[in-house]
Amino acid sequence: MAGSTMRTSFAALMVFLMASELCFDVATAAGECGYTPIEEAAASLSPCLDAARNPGAKAPPPCCAKVNALIRTAPRCLCAVLLSPAAEEAGINPGIAISIPKRCGIKNRPVGKKCGRYTVP
């Protein structure tokens, strides 16, 4: 009987430890922008604000550099930022902002890729 109780206790402990590990992994998992919060990634793209609101605005070099870096390192982050509440609060028009990589002349942009209901031109 003691052996059965010990095995049951051991099994319960293992289940608890495995569940704890899973919860820890979920709590510390990286998102679309790695470990950078989306709001922080969005703030880093502040040089793009005018270009993201106005299709006729020229995308300034600091904006293009930031967008190009994100396309190279974390393209899904750029999409996540574009569709984020932070972008909406800043008055970003995703239909306009999606064209920034093209307006910057970024050749390695993911042409034809979907970002929500928008397509990268």
PDB file of N, CA and C in Angstrom:
ATOM      1  N   MET A   1       0.815  -1.187   0.000  1.00  0.00           N
ATOM      2  CA  MET A   1       0.000   0.000   0.000  1.00  0.00           C
ATOM      3  C   MET A   1       0.865   1.260   0.000  1.00  0.00           C
ATOM      4  N   ALA A   2       1.937   1.274   0.778  1.00  0.00           N
ATOM      5  CA  ALA A   2       2.819   2.436   0.845  1.00  0.00           C
ATOM      6  C   ALA A   2       3.460   2.698  -0.509  1.00  0.00           C
ATOM      7  N   GLY A   3       3.810   1.633  -1.233  1.00  0.00           N
ATOM      8  CA  GLY A   3       4.409   1.791  -2.558  1.00  0.00           C
ATOM      9  C   GLY A   3       3.423   2.402  -3.537  1.00  0.00           C
ATOM     10  N   SER A   4       2.160   2.009  -3.442  1.00  0.00           N
ATOM     11  CA  SER A   4       1.109   2.542  -4.321  1.00  0.00           C
ATOM     12  C   SER A   4       0.882   4.024  -4.040  1.00  0.00           C
ATOM     13  N   THR A   5       0.856   4.382  -2.758  1.00  0.00           N
ATOM     14  CA  THR A   5       0.662   5.778  -2.373  1.00  0.00           C
ATOM     15  C   THR A   5       1.846   6.622  -2.833  1.00  0.00           C
ATOM     16  N   MET A   6       3.033   6.051  -2.706  1.00  0.00           N
ATOM     17  CA  MET A   6       4.240   6.767  -3.124  1.00  0.00           C
ATOM     18  C   MET A   6       4.240   6.988  -4.638  1.00  0.00           C
ATOM     19  N   ARG A   7       3.839   5.962  -5.401  1.00  0.00           N
ATOM     20  CA  ARG A   7       3.773   6.106  -6.860  1.00  0.00           C
ATOM     21  C   ARG A   7       2.723   7.143  -7.250  1.00  0.00           C
ATOM     22  N   THR A   8       1.586   7.138  -6.579  1.00  0.00           N
ATOM     23  CA  THR A   8       0.525   8.101  -6.861  1.00  0.00           C
ATOM     24  C   THR A   8       1.005   9.512  -6.546  1.00  0.00           C
ATOM     25  N   SER A   9       1.671   9.675  -5.398  1.00  0.00           N
ATOM     26  CA  SER A   9       2.197  10.992  -5.017  1.00  0.00           C
ATOM     27  C   SER A   9       3.257  11.461  -6.006  1.00  0.00           C
ATOM     28  N   PHE A  10       4.119  10.527  -6.419  1.00  0.00           N
ATOM     29  CA  PHE A  10       5.155  10.864  -7.390  1.00  0.00           C
ATOM     30  C   PHE A  10       4.515  11.284  -8.722  1.00  0.00           C
ATOM     31  N   ALA A  11       3.506  10.534  -9.166  1.00  0.00           N
ATOM     32  CA  ALA A  11       2.815  10.852 -10.416  1.00  0.00           C
ATOM     33  C   ALA A  11       2.142  12.212 -10.316  1.00  0.00           C
ATOM     34  N   ALA A  12       1.513  12.494  -9.183  1.00  0.00           N
ATOM     35  CA  ALA A  12       0.855  13.797  -8.988  1.00  0.00           C
ATOM     36  C   ALA A  12       1.886  14.925  -9.007  1.00  0.00           C
ATOM     37  N   LEU A  13       3.035  14.678  -8.373  1.00  0.00           N
ATOM     38  CA  LEU A  13       4.100  15.684  -8.367  1.00  0.00           C
ATOM     39  C   LEU A  13       4.611  15.937  -9.781  1.00  0.00           C
ATOM     40  N   MET A  14       4.791  14.884 -10.558  1.00  0.00           N
ATOM     41  CA  MET A  14       5.272  15.036 -11.940  1.00  0.00           C
ATOM     42  C   MET A  14       4.261  15.821 -12.781  1.00  0.00           C
ATOM     43  N   VAL A  15       2.975  15.508 -12.630  1.00  0.00           N
ATOM     44  CA  VAL A  15       1.942  16.234 -13.375  1.00  0.00           C
ATOM     45  C   VAL A  15       1.975  17.709 -12.994  1.00  0.00           C
ATOM     46  N   PHE A  16       2.097  17.989 -11.695  1.00  0.00           N
ATOM     47  CA  PHE A  16       2.162  19.370 -11.231  1.00  0.00           C
ATOM     48  C   PHE A  16       3.377  20.094 -11.815  1.00  0.00           C
ATOM     49  N   LEU A  17       4.520  19.436 -11.774  1.00  0.00           N
ATOM     50  CA  LEU A  17       5.733  20.063 -12.302  1.00  0.00           C
ATOM     51  C   LEU A  17       5.639  20.305 -13.799  1.00  0.00           C
ATOM     52  N   MET A  18       5.078  19.356 -14.529  1.00  0.00           N
ATOM     53  CA  MET A  18       4.929  19.523 -15.977  1.00  0.00           C
ATOM     54  C   MET A  18       3.951  20.656 -16.278  1.00  0.00           C
ATOM     55  N   ALA A  19       2.859  20.728 -15.532  1.00  0.00           N
ATOM     56  CA  ALA A  19       1.881  21.798 -15.735  1.00  0.00           C
ATOM     57  C   ALA A  19       2.506  23.150 -15.384  1.00  0.00           C
ATOM     58  N   SER A  20       3.300  23.185 -14.308  1.00  0.00           N
ATOM     59  CA  SER A  20       3.966  24.430 -13.919  1.00  0.00           C
ATOM     60  C   SER A  20       4.921  24.890 -15.006  1.00  0.00           C
ATOM     61  N   GLU A  21       5.670  23.953 -15.571  1.00  0.00           N
ATOM     62  CA  GLU A  21       6.615  24.274 -16.643  1.00  0.00           C
ATOM     63  C   GLU A  21       5.869  24.824 -17.854  1.00  0.00           C
ATOM     64  N   LEU A  22       4.745  24.194 -18.194  1.00  0.00           N
ATOM     65  CA  LEU A  22       3.950  24.652 -19.331  1.00  0.00           C
ATOM     66  C   LEU A  22       3.450  26.066 -19.084  1.00  0.00           C
ATOM     67  N   CYS A  23       2.926  26.323 -17.894  1.00  0.00           N
ATOM     68  CA  CYS A  23       2.431  27.665 -17.575  1.00  0.00           C
ATOM     69  C   CYS A  23       3.567  28.677 -17.622  1.00  0.00           C
ATOM     70  N   PHE A  24       4.744  28.305 -17.138  1.00  0.00           N
ATOM     71  CA  PHE A  24       5.890  29.206 -17.168  1.00  0.00           C
ATOM     72  C   PHE A  24       6.268  29.524 -18.607  1.00  0.00           C
ATOM     73  N   ASP A  25       6.285  28.510 -19.470  1.00  0.00           N
ATOM     74  CA  ASP A  25       6.630  28.736 -20.869  1.00  0.00           C
ATOM     75  C   ASP A  25       5.618  29.660 -21.535  1.00  0.00           C
ATOM     76  N   VAL A  26       4.348  29.480 -21.247  1.00  0.00           N
ATOM     77  CA  VAL A  26       3.316  30.333 -21.840  1.00  0.00           C
ATOM     78  C   VAL A  26       3.471  31.759 -21.345  1.00  0.00           C
ATOM     79  N   ALA A  27       3.752  31.927 -20.066  1.00  0.00           N
ATOM     80  CA  ALA A  27       3.858  33.261 -19.487  1.00  0.00           C
ATOM     81  C   ALA A  27       5.061  34.025 -20.013  1.00  0.00           C
ATOM     82  N   THR A  28       6.120  33.313 -20.412  1.00  0.00           N
ATOM     83  CA  THR A  28       7.327  34.000 -20.855  1.00  0.00           C
ATOM     84  C   THR A  28       7.553  33.856 -22.359  1.00  0.00           C
ATOM     85  N   ALA A  29       6.579  33.326 -23.063  1.00  0.00           N
ATOM     86  CA  ALA A  29       6.748  33.079 -24.496  1.00  0.00           C
ATOM     87  C   ALA A  29       6.889  34.389 -25.254  1.00  0.00           C
ATOM     88  N   ALA A  30       7.675  34.339 -26.295  1.00  0.00           N
ATOM     89  CA  ALA A  30       7.859  35.504 -27.154  1.00  0.00           C
ATOM     90  C   ALA A  30       6.656  35.631 -28.077  1.00  0.00           C
ATOM     91  N   GLY A  31       6.306  36.865 -28.380  1.00  0.00           N
ATOM     92  CA  GLY A  31       5.203  37.107 -29.300  1.00  0.00           C
ATOM     93  C   GLY A  31       5.723  37.406 -30.694  1.00  0.00           C
ATOM     94  N   GLU A  32       4.894  38.042 -31.490  1.00  0.00           N
ATOM     95  CA  GLU A  32       5.259  38.375 -32.867  1.00  0.00           C
ATOM     96  C   GLU A  32       6.493  39.264 -32.927  1.00  0.00           C
ATOM     97  N   CYS A  33       6.712  40.052 -31.881  1.00  0.00           N
ATOM     98  CA  CYS A  33       7.857  40.967 -31.851  1.00  0.00           C
ATOM     99  C   CYS A  33       8.931  40.472 -30.891  1.00  0.00           C
ATOM    100  N   GLY A  34       9.034  39.159 -30.743  1.00  0.00           N
ATOM    101  CA  GLY A  34      10.000  38.604 -29.809  1.00  0.00           C
ATOM    102  C   GLY A  34       9.588  38.958 -28.396  1.00  0.00           C
ATOM    103  N   TYR A  35      10.531  39.377 -27.584  1.00  0.00           N
ATOM    104  CA  TYR A  35      10.221  39.751 -26.210  1.00  0.00           C
ATOM    105  C   TYR A  35       9.939  41.244 -26.096  1.00  0.00           C
ATOM    106  N   THR A  36       9.899  41.947 -27.223  1.00  0.00           N
ATOM    107  CA  THR A  36       9.580  43.372 -27.231  1.00  0.00           C
ATOM    108  C   THR A  36       8.067  43.532 -27.247  1.00  0.00           C
ATOM    109  N   PRO A  37       7.496  44.265 -26.301  1.00  0.00           N
ATOM    110  CA  PRO A  37       6.051  44.495 -26.330  1.00  0.00           C
ATOM    111  C   PRO A  37       5.646  45.220 -27.619  1.00  0.00           C
ATOM    112  N   ILE A  38       4.475  44.900 -28.130  1.00  0.00           N
ATOM    113  CA  ILE A  38       4.013  45.508 -29.386  1.00  0.00           C
ATOM    114  C   ILE A  38       3.996  47.028 -29.277  1.00  0.00           C
ATOM    115  N   GLU A  39       3.595  47.551 -28.123  1.00  0.00           N
ATOM    116  CA  GLU A  39       3.544  49.007 -27.949  1.00  0.00           C
ATOM    117  C   GLU A  39       4.927  49.633 -28.130  1.00  0.00           C
ATOM    118  N   GLU A  40       5.952  48.934 -27.640  1.00  0.00           N
ATOM    119  CA  GLU A  40       7.326  49.429 -27.781  1.00  0.00           C
ATOM    120  C   GLU A  40       7.776  49.361 -29.243  1.00  0.00           C
ATOM    121  N   ALA A  41       7.423  48.268 -29.910  1.00  0.00           N
ATOM    122  CA  ALA A  41       7.750  48.145 -31.340  1.00  0.00           C
ATOM    123  C   ALA A  41       7.032  49.225 -32.133  1.00  0.00           C
ATOM    124  N   ALA A  42       5.777  49.494 -31.779  1.00  0.00           N
ATOM    125  CA  ALA A  42       5.012  50.546 -32.463  1.00  0.00           C
ATOM    126  C   ALA A  42       5.658  51.909 -32.232  1.00  0.00           C
ATOM    127  N   ALA A  43       6.072  52.180 -31.005  1.00  0.00           N
ATOM    128  CA  ALA A  43       6.710  53.461 -30.692  1.00  0.00           C
ATOM    129  C   ALA A  43       8.000  53.643 -31.478  1.00  0.00           C
ATOM    130  N   SER A  44       8.711  52.543 -31.739  1.00  0.00           N
ATOM    131  CA  SER A  44       9.966  52.649 -32.492  1.00  0.00           C
ATOM    132  C   SER A  44       9.711  53.075 -33.941  1.00  0.00           C
ATOM    133  N   LEU A  45       8.474  52.910 -34.395  1.00  0.00           N
ATOM    134  CA  LEU A  45       8.124  53.284 -35.765  1.00  0.00           C
ATOM    135  C   LEU A  45       7.515  54.686 -35.839  1.00  0.00           C
ATOM    136  N   SER A  46       7.678  55.474 -34.784  1.00  0.00           N
ATOM    137  CA  SER A  46       7.107  56.825 -34.772  1.00  0.00           C
ATOM    138  C   SER A  46       7.572  57.701 -35.939  1.00  0.00           C
ATOM    139  N   PRO A  47       8.777  57.502 -36.505  1.00  0.00           N
ATOM    140  CA  PRO A  47       9.141  58.311 -37.670  1.00  0.00           C
ATOM    141  C   PRO A  47       8.217  58.073 -38.878  1.00  0.00           C
ATOM    142  N   CYS A  48       7.411  57.013 -38.799  1.00  0.00           N
ATOM    143  CA  CYS A  48       6.525  56.647 -39.914  1.00  0.00           C
ATOM    144  C   CYS A  48       5.104  57.220 -39.772  1.00  0.00           C
ATOM    145  N   LEU A  49       4.835  57.932 -38.699  1.00  0.00           N
ATOM    146  CA  LEU A  49       3.456  58.359 -38.434  1.00  0.00           C
ATOM    147  C   LEU A  49       2.806  59.091 -39.600  1.00  0.00           C
ATOM    148  N   ASP A  50       3.437  60.111 -40.133  1.00  0.00           N
ATOM    149  CA  ASP A  50       2.828  60.854 -41.242  1.00  0.00           C
ATOM    150  C   ASP A  50       2.590  59.961 -42.455  1.00  0.00           C
ATOM    151  N   ALA A  51       3.566  59.138 -42.781  1.00  0.00           N
ATOM    152  CA  ALA A  51       3.444  58.247 -43.938  1.00  0.00           C
ATOM    153  C   ALA A  51       2.364  57.188 -43.723  1.00  0.00           C
ATOM    154  N   ALA A  52       2.088  56.837 -42.452  1.00  0.00           N
ATOM    155  CA  ALA A  52       1.077  55.825 -42.150  1.00  0.00           C
ATOM    156  C   ALA A  52      -0.339  56.400 -42.140  1.00  0.00           C
ATOM    157  N   ARG A  53      -0.432  57.716 -42.151  1.00  0.00           N
ATOM    158  CA  ARG A  53      -1.744  58.381 -42.152  1.00  0.00           C
ATOM    159  C   ARG A  53      -2.092  58.992 -43.506  1.00  0.00           C
ATOM    160  N   ASN A  54      -1.066  59.298 -44.297  1.00  0.00           N
ATOM    161  CA  ASN A  54      -1.263  60.043 -45.534  1.00  0.00           C
ATOM    162  C   ASN A  54      -0.553  59.330 -46.681  1.00  0.00           C
ATOM    163  N   PRO A  55      -1.307  58.825 -47.661  1.00  0.00           N
ATOM    164  CA  PRO A  55      -0.659  58.086 -48.760  1.00  0.00           C
ATOM    165  C   PRO A  55       0.257  58.950 -49.619  1.00  0.00           C
ATOM    166  N   GLY A  56       0.099  60.270 -49.551  1.00  0.00           N
ATOM    167  CA  GLY A  56       0.947  61.156 -50.339  1.00  0.00           C
ATOM    168  C   GLY A  56       2.200  61.608 -49.602  1.00  0.00           C
ATOM    169  N   ALA A  57       2.289  61.274 -48.302  1.00  0.00           N
ATOM    170  CA  ALA A  57       3.447  61.702 -47.508  1.00  0.00           C
ATOM    171  C   ALA A  57       4.653  60.834 -47.852  1.00  0.00           C
ATOM    172  N   LYS A  58       5.783  61.496 -47.940  1.00  0.00           N
ATOM    173  CA  LYS A  58       7.032  60.762 -48.192  1.00  0.00           C
ATOM    174  C   LYS A  58       7.438  60.059 -46.907  1.00  0.00           C
ATOM    175  N   ALA A  59       7.841  58.818 -47.031  1.00  0.00           N
ATOM    176  CA  ALA A  59       8.358  58.082 -45.873  1.00  0.00           C
ATOM    177  C   ALA A  59       9.791  58.542 -45.631  1.00  0.00           C
ATOM    178  N   PRO A  60      10.070  59.141 -44.469  1.00  0.00           N
ATOM    179  CA  PRO A  60      11.423  59.654 -44.212  1.00  0.00           C
ATOM    180  C   PRO A  60      12.433  58.520 -44.008  1.00  0.00           C
ATOM    181  N   PRO A  61      13.716  58.806 -44.257  1.00  0.00           N
ATOM    182  CA  PRO A  61      14.761  57.781 -44.111  1.00  0.00           C
ATOM    183  C   PRO A  61      14.757  57.045 -42.764  1.00  0.00           C
ATOM    184  N   PRO A  62      14.550  57.740 -41.608  1.00  0.00           N
ATOM    185  CA  PRO A  62      14.525  56.976 -40.348  1.00  0.00           C
ATOM    186  C   PRO A  62      13.370  55.958 -40.306  1.00  0.00           C
ATOM    187  N   CYS A  63      12.248  56.300 -40.900  1.00  0.00           N
ATOM    188  CA  CYS A  63      11.122  55.379 -40.991  1.00  0.00           C
ATOM    189  C   CYS A  63      11.508  54.177 -41.847  1.00  0.00           C
ATOM    190  N   CYS A  64      12.045  54.447 -43.005  1.00  0.00           N
ATOM    191  CA  CYS A  64      12.415  53.368 -43.931  1.00  0.00           C
ATOM    192  C   CYS A  64      13.449  52.432 -43.306  1.00  0.00           C
ATOM    193  N   ALA A  65      14.388  52.986 -42.553  1.00  0.00           N
ATOM    194  CA  ALA A  65      15.407  52.161 -41.896  1.00  0.00           C
ATOM    195  C   ALA A  65      14.761  51.230 -40.869  1.00  0.00           C
ATOM    196  N   LYS A  66      13.833  51.767 -40.085  1.00  0.00           N
ATOM    197  CA  LYS A  66      13.143  50.949 -39.075  1.00  0.00           C
ATOM    198  C   LYS A  66      12.308  49.859 -39.728  1.00  0.00           C
ATOM    199  N   VAL A  67      11.553  50.225 -40.761  1.00  0.00           N
ATOM    200  CA  VAL A  67      10.698  49.254 -41.457  1.00  0.00           C
ATOM    201  C   VAL A  67      11.558  48.173 -42.111  1.00  0.00           C
ATOM    202  N   ASN A  68      12.628  48.568 -42.754  1.00  0.00           N
ATOM    203  CA  ASN A  68      13.521  47.606 -43.409  1.00  0.00           C
ATOM    204  C   ASN A  68      14.112  46.628 -42.384  1.00  0.00           C
ATOM    205  N   ALA A  69      14.513  47.148 -41.230  1.00  0.00           N
ATOM    206  CA  ALA A  69      15.071  46.288 -40.183  1.00  0.00           C
ATOM    207  C   ALA A  69      14.032  45.281 -39.695  1.00  0.00           C
ATOM    208  N   LEU A  70      12.796  45.731 -39.526  1.00  0.00           N
ATOM    209  CA  LEU A  70      11.750  44.814 -39.077  1.00  0.00           C
ATOM    210  C   LEU A  70      11.418  43.765 -40.131  1.00  0.00           C
ATOM    211  N   ILE A  71      11.406  44.162 -41.389  1.00  0.00           N
ATOM    212  CA  ILE A  71      11.136  43.199 -42.463  1.00  0.00           C
ATOM    213  C   ILE A  71      12.216  42.118 -42.476  1.00  0.00           C
ATOM    214  N   ARG A  72      13.465  42.522 -42.255  1.00  0.00           N
ATOM    215  CA  ARG A  72      14.574  41.559 -42.249  1.00  0.00           C
ATOM    216  C   ARG A  72      14.543  40.647 -41.031  1.00  0.00           C
ATOM    217  N   THR A  73      14.214  41.201 -39.863  1.00  0.00           N
ATOM    218  CA  THR A  73      14.351  40.429 -38.624  1.00  0.00           C
ATOM    219  C   THR A  73      13.044  39.860 -38.083  1.00  0.00           C
ATOM    220  N   ALA A  74      11.931  40.573 -38.274  1.00  0.00           N
ATOM    221  CA  ALA A  74      10.658  40.131 -37.677  1.00  0.00           C
ATOM    222  C   ALA A  74       9.477  40.651 -38.499  1.00  0.00           C
ATOM    223  N   PRO A  75       9.296  40.146 -39.714  1.00  0.00           N
ATOM    224  CA  PRO A  75       8.222  40.669 -40.563  1.00  0.00           C
ATOM    225  C   PRO A  75       6.831  40.526 -39.955  1.00  0.00           C
ATOM    226  N   ARG A  76       6.615  39.479 -39.162  1.00  0.00           N
ATOM    227  CA  ARG A  76       5.294  39.333 -38.529  1.00  0.00           C
ATOM    228  C   ARG A  76       5.083  40.401 -37.465  1.00  0.00           C
ATOM    229  N   CYS A  77       6.156  40.920 -36.900  1.00  0.00           N
ATOM    230  CA  CYS A  77       6.052  42.000 -35.923  1.00  0.00           C
ATOM    231  C   CYS A  77       5.488  43.249 -36.592  1.00  0.00           C
ATOM    232  N   LEU A  78       5.956  43.536 -37.787  1.00  0.00           N
ATOM    233  CA  LEU A  78       5.474  44.711 -38.510  1.00  0.00           C
ATOM    234  C   LEU A  78       3.969  44.615 -38.732  1.00  0.00           C
ATOM    235  N   CYS A  79       3.496  43.447 -39.105  1.00  0.00           N
ATOM    236  CA  CYS A  79       2.062  43.233 -39.300  1.00  0.00           C
ATOM    237  C   CYS A  79       1.321  43.364 -37.971  1.00  0.00           C
ATOM    238  N   ALA A  80       1.863  42.779 -36.917  1.00  0.00           N
ATOM    239  CA  ALA A  80       1.222  42.856 -35.603  1.00  0.00           C
ATOM    240  C   ALA A  80       1.105  44.301 -35.143  1.00  0.00           C
ATOM    241  N   VAL A  81       2.142  45.093 -35.386  1.00  0.00           N
ATOM    242  CA  VAL A  81       2.108  46.511 -35.026  1.00  0.00           C
ATOM    243  C   VAL A  81       1.035  47.225 -35.847  1.00  0.00           C
ATOM    244  N   LEU A  82       1.008  46.956 -37.121  1.00  0.00           N
ATOM    245  CA  LEU A  82       0.048  47.588 -38.028  1.00  0.00           C
ATOM    246  C   LEU A  82      -1.391  47.351 -37.582  1.00  0.00           C
ATOM    247  N   LEU A  83      -1.669  46.164 -37.065  1.00  0.00           N
ATOM    248  CA  LEU A  83      -3.025  45.788 -36.665  1.00  0.00           C
ATOM    249  C   LEU A  83      -3.289  45.970 -35.170  1.00  0.00           C
ATOM    250  N   SER A  84      -2.339  46.544 -34.455  1.00  0.00           N
ATOM    251  CA  SER A  84      -2.445  46.649 -32.996  1.00  0.00           C
ATOM    252  C   SER A  84      -3.360  47.788 -32.556  1.00  0.00           C
ATOM    253  N   PRO A  85      -3.890  47.679 -31.336  1.00  0.00           N
ATOM    254  CA  PRO A  85      -4.659  48.787 -30.766  1.00  0.00           C
ATOM    255  C   PRO A  85      -3.827  50.068 -30.671  1.00  0.00           C
ATOM    256  N   ALA A  86      -2.515  49.926 -30.434  1.00  0.00           N
ATOM    257  CA  ALA A  86      -1.647  51.110 -30.349  1.00  0.00           C
ATOM    258  C   ALA A  86      -1.653  51.870 -31.672  1.00  0.00           C
ATOM    259  N   ALA A  87      -1.618  51.147 -32.785  1.00  0.00           N
ATOM    260  CA  ALA A  87      -1.643  51.802 -34.102  1.00  0.00           C
ATOM    261  C   ALA A  87      -2.989  52.482 -34.325  1.00  0.00           C
ATOM    262  N   GLU A  88      -4.042  51.812 -33.932  1.00  0.00           N
ATOM    263  CA  GLU A  88      -5.374  52.401 -34.088  1.00  0.00           C
ATOM    264  C   GLU A  88      -5.503  53.681 -33.259  1.00  0.00           C
ATOM    265  N   GLU A  89      -5.014  53.627 -32.017  1.00  0.00           N
ATOM    266  CA  GLU A  89      -5.055  54.808 -31.144  1.00  0.00           C
ATOM    267  C   GLU A  89      -4.239  55.961 -31.717  1.00  0.00           C
ATOM    268  N   ALA A  90      -3.179  55.653 -32.449  1.00  0.00           N
ATOM    269  CA  ALA A  90      -2.330  56.688 -33.043  1.00  0.00           C
ATOM    270  C   ALA A  90      -2.908  57.220 -34.355  1.00  0.00           C
ATOM    271  N   GLY A  91      -4.040  56.687 -34.780  1.00  0.00           N
ATOM    272  CA  GLY A  91      -4.667  57.152 -36.011  1.00  0.00           C
ATOM    273  C   GLY A  91      -4.054  56.575 -37.271  1.00  0.00           C
ATOM    274  N   ILE A  92      -3.390  55.431 -37.128  1.00  0.00           N
ATOM    275  CA  ILE A  92      -2.760  54.778 -38.280  1.00  0.00           C
ATOM    276  C   ILE A  92      -3.842  54.151 -39.144  1.00  0.00           C
ATOM    277  N   ASN A  93      -3.736  54.349 -40.444  1.00  0.00           N
ATOM    278  CA  ASN A  93      -4.636  53.716 -41.400  1.00  0.00           C
ATOM    279  C   ASN A  93      -3.878  52.515 -41.971  1.00  0.00           C
ATOM    280  N   PRO A  94      -4.258  51.286 -41.594  1.00  0.00           N
ATOM    281  CA  PRO A  94      -3.509  50.114 -42.067  1.00  0.00           C
ATOM    282  C   PRO A  94      -3.446  50.011 -43.588  1.00  0.00           C
ATOM    283  N   GLY A  95      -4.507  50.447 -44.272  1.00  0.00           N
ATOM    284  CA  GLY A  95      -4.513  50.405 -45.732  1.00  0.00           C
ATOM    285  C   GLY A  95      -3.466  51.316 -46.351  1.00  0.00           C
ATOM    286  N   ILE A  96      -3.128  52.379 -45.639  1.00  0.00           N
ATOM    287  CA  ILE A  96      -2.080  53.299 -46.098  1.00  0.00           C
ATOM    288  C   ILE A  96      -0.717  52.826 -45.604  1.00  0.00           C
ATOM    289  N   ALA A  97      -0.654  52.438 -44.333  1.00  0.00           N
ATOM    290  CA  ALA A  97       0.619  52.036 -43.730  1.00  0.00           C
ATOM    291  C   ALA A  97       1.232  50.818 -44.414  1.00  0.00           C
ATOM    292  N   ILE A  98       0.403  49.942 -44.927  1.00  0.00           N
ATOM    293  CA  ILE A  98       0.911  48.720 -45.579  1.00  0.00           C
ATOM    294  C   ILE A  98       1.760  49.050 -46.814  1.00  0.00           C
ATOM    295  N   SER A  99       1.577  50.260 -47.343  1.00  0.00           N
ATOM    296  CA  SER A  99       2.340  50.652 -48.539  1.00  0.00           C
ATOM    297  C   SER A  99       3.692  51.296 -48.219  1.00  0.00           C
ATOM    298  N   ILE A 100       3.983  51.495 -46.948  1.00  0.00           N
ATOM    299  CA  ILE A 100       5.251  52.147 -46.582  1.00  0.00           C
ATOM    300  C   ILE A 100       6.480  51.397 -47.113  1.00  0.00           C
ATOM    301  N   PRO A 101       6.549  50.068 -46.988  1.00  0.00           N
ATOM    302  CA  PRO A 101       7.747  49.395 -47.534  1.00  0.00           C
ATOM    303  C   PRO A 101       7.946  49.680 -49.027  1.00  0.00           C
ATOM    304  N   LYS A 102       6.866  49.732 -49.786  1.00  0.00           N
ATOM    305  CA  LYS A 102       6.983  50.039 -51.214  1.00  0.00           C
ATOM    306  C   LYS A 102       7.412  51.491 -51.408  1.00  0.00           C
ATOM    307  N   ARG A 103       6.812  52.403 -50.638  1.00  0.00           N
ATOM    308  CA  ARG A 103       7.183  53.823 -50.757  1.00  0.00           C
ATOM    309  C   ARG A 103       8.623  54.061 -50.323  1.00  0.00           C
ATOM    310  N   CYS A 104       9.144  53.192 -49.482  1.00  0.00           N
ATOM    311  CA  CYS A 104      10.552  53.287 -49.075  1.00  0.00           C
ATOM    312  C   CYS A 104      11.486  52.665 -50.108  1.00  0.00           C
ATOM    313  N   GLY A 105      10.918  51.942 -51.059  1.00  0.00           N
ATOM    314  CA  GLY A 105      11.753  51.277 -52.060  1.00  0.00           C
ATOM    315  C   GLY A 105      12.442  50.038 -51.519  1.00  0.00           C
ATOM    316  N   ILE A 106      11.853  49.412 -50.509  1.00  0.00           N
ATOM    317  CA  ILE A 106      12.440  48.212 -49.918  1.00  0.00           C
ATOM    318  C   ILE A 106      12.195  47.039 -50.859  1.00  0.00           C
ATOM    319  N   LYS A 107      13.270  46.516 -51.397  1.00  0.00           N
ATOM    320  CA  LYS A 107      13.166  45.462 -52.411  1.00  0.00           C
ATOM    321  C   LYS A 107      12.807  44.097 -51.824  1.00  0.00           C
ATOM    322  N   ASN A 108      13.211  43.839 -50.578  1.00  0.00           N
ATOM    323  CA  ASN A 108      12.946  42.524 -49.985  1.00  0.00           C
ATOM    324  C   ASN A 108      11.622  42.490 -49.213  1.00  0.00           C
ATOM    325  N   ARG A 109      10.731  43.428 -49.508  1.00  0.00           N
ATOM    326  CA  ARG A 109       9.435  43.433 -48.823  1.00  0.00           C
ATOM    327  C   ARG A 109       8.632  42.203 -49.260  1.00  0.00           C
ATOM    328  N   PRO A 110       7.762  41.709 -48.391  1.00  0.00           N
ATOM    329  CA  PRO A 110       7.017  40.485 -48.709  1.00  0.00           C
ATOM    330  C   PRO A 110       5.802  40.765 -49.606  1.00  0.00           C
ATOM    331  N   VAL A 111       6.046  41.102 -50.849  1.00  0.00           N
ATOM    332  CA  VAL A 111       4.981  41.441 -51.800  1.00  0.00           C
ATOM    333  C   VAL A 111       3.961  40.306 -51.879  1.00  0.00           C
ATOM    334  N   GLY A 112       2.692  40.677 -51.783  1.00  0.00           N
ATOM    335  CA  GLY A 112       1.619  39.706 -51.889  1.00  0.00           C
ATOM    336  C   GLY A 112       1.237  39.036 -50.585  1.00  0.00           C
ATOM    337  N   LYS A 113       2.021  39.240 -49.535  1.00  0.00           N
ATOM    338  CA  LYS A 113       1.704  38.644 -48.237  1.00  0.00           C
ATOM    339  C   LYS A 113       0.530  39.386 -47.609  1.00  0.00           C
ATOM    340  N   LYS A 114      -0.297  38.641 -46.920  1.00  0.00           N
ATOM    341  CA  LYS A 114      -1.445  39.215 -46.241  1.00  0.00           C
ATOM    342  C   LYS A 114      -1.058  39.647 -44.835  1.00  0.00           C
ATOM    343  N   CYS A 115      -1.642  40.744 -44.417  1.00  0.00           N
ATOM    344  CA  CYS A 115      -1.541  41.243 -43.050  1.00  0.00           C
ATOM    345  C   CYS A 115      -2.960  41.612 -42.674  1.00  0.00           C
ATOM    346  N   GLY A 116      -3.629  40.713 -41.994  1.00  0.00           N
ATOM    347  CA  GLY A 116      -5.055  40.915 -41.760  1.00  0.00           C
ATOM    348  C   GLY A 116      -5.758  40.886 -43.096  1.00  0.00           C
ATOM    349  N   ARG A 117      -6.563  41.891 -43.371  1.00  0.00           N
ATOM    350  CA  ARG A 117      -7.255  41.945 -44.668  1.00  0.00           C
ATOM    351  C   ARG A 117      -6.489  42.761 -45.708  1.00  0.00           C
ATOM    352  N   TYR A 118      -5.280  43.167 -45.374  1.00  0.00           N
ATOM    353  CA  TYR A 118      -4.462  43.983 -46.259  1.00  0.00           C
ATOM    354  C   TYR A 118      -3.385  43.136 -46.925  1.00  0.00           C
ATOM    355  N   THR A 119      -2.978  43.545 -48.110  1.00  0.00           N
ATOM    356  CA  THR A 119      -1.935  42.830 -48.850  1.00  0.00           C
ATOM    357  C   THR A 119      -0.770  43.779 -49.102  1.00  0.00           C
ATOM    358  N   VAL A 120       0.434  43.293 -48.868  1.00  0.00           N
ATOM    359  CA  VAL A 120       1.637  44.100 -49.084  1.00  0.00           C
ATOM    360  C   VAL A 120       1.805  44.330 -50.579  1.00  0.00           C
ATOM    361  N   PRO A 121       1.829  45.625 -50.999  1.00  0.00           N
ATOM    362  CA  PRO A 121       2.024  45.908 -52.433  1.00  0.00           C
ATOM    363  C   PRO A 121       3.479  45.753 -52.864  1.00  0.00           C
TER     364      PRO A 121
END
